[in-house]
Amino acid sequence: MAEVYPGVEVRKELGEHETLLGIDKARQVLGYEPQHSWRNHVDR
């Protein structure tokens, strides 16, 4: 990330499958939980 976005603060450790965009706020404020995972729809 630092190579592509220099100067951007990293606020937490990013796991192997984490993105830079999260749904944490939607979970906290709205109680949102995804019904499907992209992992179930991608051929490996």
C-alpha atoms as a PDB file:
ATOM      1  CA  MET A   1       0.000   0.000   0.000  1.00  0.00           C
ATOM      2  CA  ALA A   2       2.781   2.404   0.880  1.00  0.00           C
ATOM      3  CA  GLU A   3       4.202   2.078  -2.631  1.00  0.00           C
ATOM      4  CA  VAL A   4       0.925   3.031  -4.325  1.00  0.00           C
ATOM      5  CA  TYR A   5      -0.453   5.400  -1.664  1.00  0.00           C
ATOM      6  CA  PRO A   6       2.521   7.063   0.015  1.00  0.00           C
ATOM      7  CA  GLY A   7       1.644   9.228   2.990  1.00  0.00           C
ATOM      8  CA  VAL A   8      -1.661   7.459   3.718  1.00  0.00           C
ATOM      9  CA  GLU A   9      -1.962   6.465   7.372  1.00  0.00           C
ATOM     10  CA  VAL A  10      -2.382   2.743   8.014  1.00  0.00           C
ATOM     11  CA  ARG A  11      -4.635   2.474  11.056  1.00  0.00           C
ATOM     12  CA  LYS A  12      -4.585  -1.291  11.503  1.00  0.00           C
ATOM     13  CA  GLU A  13      -2.791  -4.364  10.251  1.00  0.00           C
ATOM     14  CA  LEU A  14      -4.236  -5.567   6.952  1.00  0.00           C
ATOM     15  CA  GLY A  15      -4.832  -9.286   6.591  1.00  0.00           C
ATOM     16  CA  GLU A  16      -4.324 -11.301   3.436  1.00  0.00           C
ATOM     17  CA  HIS A  17      -7.897 -10.806   2.162  1.00  0.00           C
ATOM     18  CA  GLU A  18      -8.667  -7.363   3.628  1.00  0.00           C
ATOM     19  CA  THR A  19      -9.305  -4.329   1.481  1.00  0.00           C
ATOM     20  CA  LEU A  20      -8.666  -0.659   2.048  1.00  0.00           C
ATOM     21  CA  LEU A  21     -12.425  -0.116   2.195  1.00  0.00           C
ATOM     22  CA  GLY A  22     -14.405  -1.704   4.973  1.00  0.00           C
ATOM     23  CA  ILE A  23     -17.964  -2.154   6.160  1.00  0.00           C
ATOM     24  CA  ASP A  24     -17.150  -1.633   9.827  1.00  0.00           C
ATOM     25  CA  LYS A  25     -19.203   1.569  10.063  1.00  0.00           C
ATOM     26  CA  ALA A  26     -22.236  -0.071   8.420  1.00  0.00           C
ATOM     27  CA  ARG A  27     -21.973  -2.939  10.883  1.00  0.00           C
ATOM     28  CA  GLN A  28     -21.688  -0.576  13.838  1.00  0.00           C
ATOM     29  CA  VAL A  29     -24.338   1.987  12.887  1.00  0.00           C
ATOM     30  CA  LEU A  30     -26.827  -0.083  10.902  1.00  0.00           C
ATOM     31  CA  GLY A  31     -26.236  -3.585  12.237  1.00  0.00           C
ATOM     32  CA  TYR A  32     -25.432  -4.682   8.681  1.00  0.00           C
ATOM     33  CA  GLU A  33     -24.100  -8.177   8.067  1.00  0.00           C
ATOM     34  CA  PRO A  34     -23.434  -9.445   4.540  1.00  0.00           C
ATOM     35  CA  GLN A  35     -25.617 -12.303   3.346  1.00  0.00           C
ATOM     36  CA  HIS A  36     -23.073 -13.544   0.783  1.00  0.00           C
ATOM     37  CA  SER A  37     -19.304 -13.751   0.495  1.00  0.00           C
ATOM     38  CA  TRP A  38     -17.371 -13.146  -2.695  1.00  0.00           C
ATOM     39  CA  ARG A  39     -15.296 -16.207  -1.801  1.00  0.00           C
ATOM     40  CA  ASN A  40     -18.327 -18.414  -2.484  1.00  0.00           C
ATOM     41  CA  HIS A  41     -18.586 -17.081  -6.044  1.00  0.00           C
ATOM     42  CA  VAL A  42     -14.966 -17.177  -7.249  1.00  0.00           C
ATOM     43  CA  ASP A  43     -13.451 -20.241  -8.875  1.00  0.00           C
ATOM     44  CA  ARG A  44     -10.206 -21.261  -7.273  1.00  0.00           C
END
